[in-house]
Amino acid sequence: MKIILRILGLVLGLAVGAAAGGYFTYARYAGQFSLVRAFASIATSSASAVDEFNQKSDNAKKDLIATLSLYEGAGETRNIESGVRKALRMNCALIEARLSALEDKAGNTARAQAYMLKAQSDLKSVGWTDPSEEIVLQAIKK
């Protein structure tokens, strides 16, 4: 009888612990649903834009600019951890580098240089030790 009560107590304790853990996890992250949805939207847009760039599509520039706008907007959100903010900034930089490559290919060297300078600045701010144009262009190649 004692063994049955101990087993029952153990099972009941595990059930209460699991329920409490689930509730507190839900309570913590339920308020951030809009943030999670925004990041999902950004990820989808980014994947699409990068795919367009890699396939040398005519829509690549428009999609990259739209994705860059999403990343920049997300980076301005107040309650984002600094590591996530750095990742967003690095993704912005890589998109800017892709835009630079597209502008250079189209013959808009001034605009290409402006995108590349911004990309290099962003990459340096997130900790890249050598954000030279050669390294940045190498990073965005397929």
C-alpha atoms as a PDB file:
ATOM      1  CA  MET A   1       0.000   0.000   0.000  1.00  0.00           C
ATOM      2  CA  LYS A   2       2.864   2.345   0.860  1.00  0.00           C
ATOM      3  CA  ILE A   3       4.501   1.716  -2.514  1.00  0.00           C
ATOM      4  CA  ILE A   4       1.254   2.463  -4.358  1.00  0.00           C
ATOM      5  CA  LEU A   5       0.851   5.742  -2.468  1.00  0.00           C
ATOM      6  CA  ARG A   6       4.435   6.745  -3.282  1.00  0.00           C
ATOM      7  CA  ILE A   7       3.980   5.915  -6.959  1.00  0.00           C
ATOM      8  CA  LEU A   8       0.663   7.794  -6.988  1.00  0.00           C
ATOM      9  CA  GLY A   9       2.323  10.782  -5.284  1.00  0.00           C
ATOM     10  CA  LEU A  10       5.163  10.719  -7.817  1.00  0.00           C
ATOM     11  CA  VAL A  11       2.771  10.569 -10.783  1.00  0.00           C
ATOM     12  CA  LEU A  12       0.622  13.332  -9.306  1.00  0.00           C
ATOM     13  CA  GLY A  13       3.722  15.484  -8.682  1.00  0.00           C
ATOM     14  CA  LEU A  14       4.918  15.013 -12.244  1.00  0.00           C
ATOM     15  CA  ALA A  15       1.479  15.894 -13.613  1.00  0.00           C
ATOM     16  CA  VAL A  16       1.211  19.052 -11.494  1.00  0.00           C
ATOM     17  CA  GLY A  17       4.775  20.065 -12.417  1.00  0.00           C
ATOM     18  CA  ALA A  18       4.177  19.540 -16.115  1.00  0.00           C
ATOM     19  CA  ALA A  19       0.890  21.458 -15.989  1.00  0.00           C
ATOM     20  CA  ALA A  20       2.485  24.345 -14.083  1.00  0.00           C
ATOM     21  CA  GLY A  21       5.458  24.454 -16.466  1.00  0.00           C
ATOM     22  CA  GLY A  22       3.166  24.456 -19.484  1.00  0.00           C
ATOM     23  CA  TYR A  23       1.004  27.208 -18.026  1.00  0.00           C
ATOM     24  CA  PHE A  24       3.913  29.471 -17.103  1.00  0.00           C
ATOM     25  CA  THR A  25       5.582  28.941 -20.493  1.00  0.00           C
ATOM     26  CA  TYR A  26       2.320  29.786 -22.230  1.00  0.00           C
ATOM     27  CA  ALA A  27       1.785  32.836 -20.017  1.00  0.00           C
ATOM     28  CA  ARG A  28       5.287  34.112 -20.767  1.00  0.00           C
ATOM     29  CA  TYR A  29       5.170  33.730 -24.541  1.00  0.00           C
ATOM     30  CA  ALA A  30       1.479  34.221 -25.323  1.00  0.00           C
ATOM     31  CA  GLY A  31       1.922  37.977 -25.063  1.00  0.00           C
ATOM     32  CA  GLN A  32       4.664  37.805 -27.674  1.00  0.00           C
ATOM     33  CA  PHE A  33       2.499  36.137 -30.312  1.00  0.00           C
ATOM     34  CA  SER A  34       2.540  39.196 -32.555  1.00  0.00           C
ATOM     35  CA  LEU A  35       6.332  39.295 -32.344  1.00  0.00           C
ATOM     36  CA  VAL A  36       6.578  35.612 -33.229  1.00  0.00           C
ATOM     37  CA  ARG A  37       4.198  36.131 -36.142  1.00  0.00           C
ATOM     38  CA  ALA A  38       6.250  39.098 -37.349  1.00  0.00           C
ATOM     39  CA  PHE A  39       9.440  37.012 -37.307  1.00  0.00           C
ATOM     40  CA  ALA A  40       7.702  34.221 -39.199  1.00  0.00           C
ATOM     41  CA  SER A  41       6.625  36.742 -41.822  1.00  0.00           C
ATOM     42  CA  ILE A  42      10.165  38.114 -42.058  1.00  0.00           C
ATOM     43  CA  ALA A  43      11.622  34.622 -42.457  1.00  0.00           C
ATOM     44  CA  THR A  44       9.195  33.813 -45.259  1.00  0.00           C
ATOM     45  CA  SER A  45       9.885  37.086 -47.036  1.00  0.00           C
ATOM     46  CA  SER A  46      13.631  36.651 -46.634  1.00  0.00           C
ATOM     47  CA  ALA A  47      13.614  33.122 -48.022  1.00  0.00           C
ATOM     48  CA  SER A  48      11.594  34.256 -51.018  1.00  0.00           C
ATOM     49  CA  ALA A  49      13.774  37.308 -51.689  1.00  0.00           C
ATOM     50  CA  VAL A  50      17.045  35.388 -51.424  1.00  0.00           C
ATOM     51  CA  ASP A  51      15.671  32.704 -53.725  1.00  0.00           C
ATOM     52  CA  GLU A  52      14.695  35.396 -56.259  1.00  0.00           C
ATOM     53  CA  PHE A  53      18.220  36.845 -55.995  1.00  0.00           C
ATOM     54  CA  ASN A  54      19.872  33.446 -56.456  1.00  0.00           C
ATOM     55  CA  GLN A  55      17.726  32.745 -59.519  1.00  0.00           C
ATOM     56  CA  LYS A  56      18.549  36.211 -60.924  1.00  0.00           C
ATOM     57  CA  SER A  57      14.853  37.039 -61.152  1.00  0.00           C
ATOM     58  CA  ASP A  58      13.538  40.419 -62.281  1.00  0.00           C
ATOM     59  CA  ASN A  59      11.595  40.670 -58.998  1.00  0.00           C
ATOM     60  CA  ALA A  60      14.698  40.243 -56.841  1.00  0.00           C
ATOM     61  CA  LYS A  61      15.339  43.936 -56.200  1.00  0.00           C
ATOM     62  CA  LYS A  62      11.726  44.676 -55.243  1.00  0.00           C
ATOM     63  CA  ASP A  63      11.575  41.638 -52.929  1.00  0.00           C
ATOM     64  CA  LEU A  64      14.923  42.443 -51.312  1.00  0.00           C
ATOM     65  CA  ILE A  65      13.868  46.033 -50.623  1.00  0.00           C
ATOM     66  CA  ALA A  66      10.585  44.838 -49.076  1.00  0.00           C
ATOM     67  CA  THR A  67      12.442  42.310 -46.921  1.00  0.00           C
ATOM     68  CA  LEU A  68      14.999  44.922 -45.867  1.00  0.00           C
ATOM     69  CA  SER A  69      12.139  47.130 -44.733  1.00  0.00           C
ATOM     70  CA  LEU A  70      10.707  44.275 -42.639  1.00  0.00           C
ATOM     71  CA  TYR A  71      14.081  43.571 -41.026  1.00  0.00           C
ATOM     72  CA  GLU A  72      14.674  47.227 -40.213  1.00  0.00           C
ATOM     73  CA  GLY A  73      11.199  47.524 -38.695  1.00  0.00           C
ATOM     74  CA  ALA A  74      11.722  44.442 -36.539  1.00  0.00           C
ATOM     75  CA  GLY A  75      15.086  45.736 -35.355  1.00  0.00           C
ATOM     76  CA  GLU A  76      13.422  48.859 -33.986  1.00  0.00           C
ATOM     77  CA  THR A  77      11.091  46.862 -31.723  1.00  0.00           C
ATOM     78  CA  ARG A  78      11.777  47.604 -28.056  1.00  0.00           C
ATOM     79  CA  ASN A  79      11.607  44.184 -26.403  1.00  0.00           C
ATOM     80  CA  ILE A  80      14.101  42.310 -28.581  1.00  0.00           C
ATOM     81  CA  GLU A  81      17.221  40.855 -27.009  1.00  0.00           C
ATOM     82  CA  SER A  82      20.546  42.254 -28.162  1.00  0.00           C
ATOM     83  CA  GLY A  83      21.621  38.958 -29.773  1.00  0.00           C
ATOM     84  CA  VAL A  84      18.455  38.892 -31.871  1.00  0.00           C
ATOM     85  CA  ARG A  85      18.929  42.549 -32.743  1.00  0.00           C
ATOM     86  CA  LYS A  86      22.473  41.764 -33.965  1.00  0.00           C
ATOM     87  CA  ALA A  87      21.166  38.883 -36.084  1.00  0.00           C
ATOM     88  CA  LEU A  88      18.569  41.178 -37.631  1.00  0.00           C
ATOM     89  CA  ARG A  89      21.224  43.769 -38.374  1.00  0.00           C
ATOM     90  CA  MET A  90      23.497  41.170 -39.952  1.00  0.00           C
ATOM     91  CA  ASN A  91      20.639  39.990 -42.176  1.00  0.00           C
ATOM     92  CA  CYS A  92      19.980  43.615 -43.159  1.00  0.00           C
ATOM     93  CA  ALA A  93      23.635  43.918 -44.131  1.00  0.00           C
ATOM     94  CA  LEU A  94      23.537  40.793 -46.279  1.00  0.00           C
ATOM     95  CA  ILE A  95      20.406  42.045 -48.026  1.00  0.00           C
ATOM     96  CA  GLU A  96      22.107  45.402 -48.600  1.00  0.00           C
ATOM     97  CA  ALA A  97      25.077  43.546 -50.085  1.00  0.00           C
ATOM     98  CA  ARG A  98      22.736  41.680 -52.445  1.00  0.00           C
ATOM     99  CA  LEU A  99      21.137  44.989 -53.436  1.00  0.00           C
ATOM    100  CA  SER A 100      24.610  46.386 -54.037  1.00  0.00           C
ATOM    101  CA  ALA A 101      25.400  43.498 -56.376  1.00  0.00           C
ATOM    102  CA  LEU A 102      22.134  44.037 -58.260  1.00  0.00           C
ATOM    103  CA  GLU A 103      22.729  47.786 -58.583  1.00  0.00           C
ATOM    104  CA  ASP A 104      26.298  47.206 -59.740  1.00  0.00           C
ATOM    105  CA  LYS A 105      25.076  44.758 -62.360  1.00  0.00           C
ATOM    106  CA  ALA A 106      22.503  47.333 -63.533  1.00  0.00           C
ATOM    107  CA  GLY A 107      25.260  49.950 -63.861  1.00  0.00           C
ATOM    108  CA  ASN A 108      24.178  52.116 -60.900  1.00  0.00           C
ATOM    109  CA  THR A 109      27.618  52.286 -59.307  1.00  0.00           C
ATOM    110  CA  ALA A 110      26.843  55.148 -56.920  1.00  0.00           C
ATOM    111  CA  ARG A 111      23.830  53.338 -55.510  1.00  0.00           C
ATOM    112  CA  ALA A 112      25.756  50.051 -55.407  1.00  0.00           C
ATOM    113  CA  GLN A 113      28.528  51.730 -53.419  1.00  0.00           C
ATOM    114  CA  ALA A 114      26.018  53.262 -50.992  1.00  0.00           C
ATOM    115  CA  TYR A 115      24.435  49.853 -50.322  1.00  0.00           C
ATOM    116  CA  MET A 116      27.857  48.263 -49.892  1.00  0.00           C
ATOM    117  CA  LEU A 117      29.052  50.944 -47.441  1.00  0.00           C
ATOM    118  CA  LYS A 118      25.887  50.484 -45.370  1.00  0.00           C
ATOM    119  CA  ALA A 119      26.336  46.701 -45.439  1.00  0.00           C
ATOM    120  CA  GLN A 120      29.963  46.986 -44.334  1.00  0.00           C
ATOM    121  CA  SER A 121      29.012  49.368 -41.534  1.00  0.00           C
ATOM    122  CA  ASP A 122      26.285  47.025 -40.275  1.00  0.00           C
ATOM    123  CA  LEU A 123      28.558  43.988 -40.435  1.00  0.00           C
ATOM    124  CA  LYS A 124      31.311  45.795 -38.553  1.00  0.00           C
ATOM    125  CA  SER A 125      28.800  46.778 -35.854  1.00  0.00           C
ATOM    126  CA  VAL A 126      27.787  43.143 -35.293  1.00  0.00           C
ATOM    127  CA  GLY A 127      31.365  41.982 -34.919  1.00  0.00           C
ATOM    128  CA  TRP A 128      32.724  41.069 -38.339  1.00  0.00           C
ATOM    129  CA  THR A 129      36.459  41.675 -38.210  1.00  0.00           C
ATOM    130  CA  ASP A 130      36.917  41.971 -41.984  1.00  0.00           C
ATOM    131  CA  PRO A 131      33.842  43.380 -43.732  1.00  0.00           C
ATOM    132  CA  SER A 132      35.774  44.185 -46.901  1.00  0.00           C
ATOM    133  CA  GLU A 133      33.822  44.256 -50.147  1.00  0.00           C
ATOM    134  CA  GLU A 134      35.446  41.014 -51.323  1.00  0.00           C
ATOM    135  CA  ILE A 135      34.489  39.137 -48.150  1.00  0.00           C
ATOM    136  CA  VAL A 136      30.940  40.536 -48.132  1.00  0.00           C
ATOM    137  CA  LEU A 137      30.376  39.580 -51.769  1.00  0.00           C
ATOM    138  CA  GLN A 138      31.778  36.138 -51.034  1.00  0.00           C
ATOM    139  CA  ALA A 139      29.267  35.761 -48.172  1.00  0.00           C
ATOM    140  CA  ILE A 140      26.264  36.398 -50.406  1.00  0.00           C
ATOM    141  CA  LYS A 141      27.305  34.057 -53.207  1.00  0.00           C
ATOM    142  CA  LYS A 142      25.407  30.855 -53.606  1.00  0.00           C
END
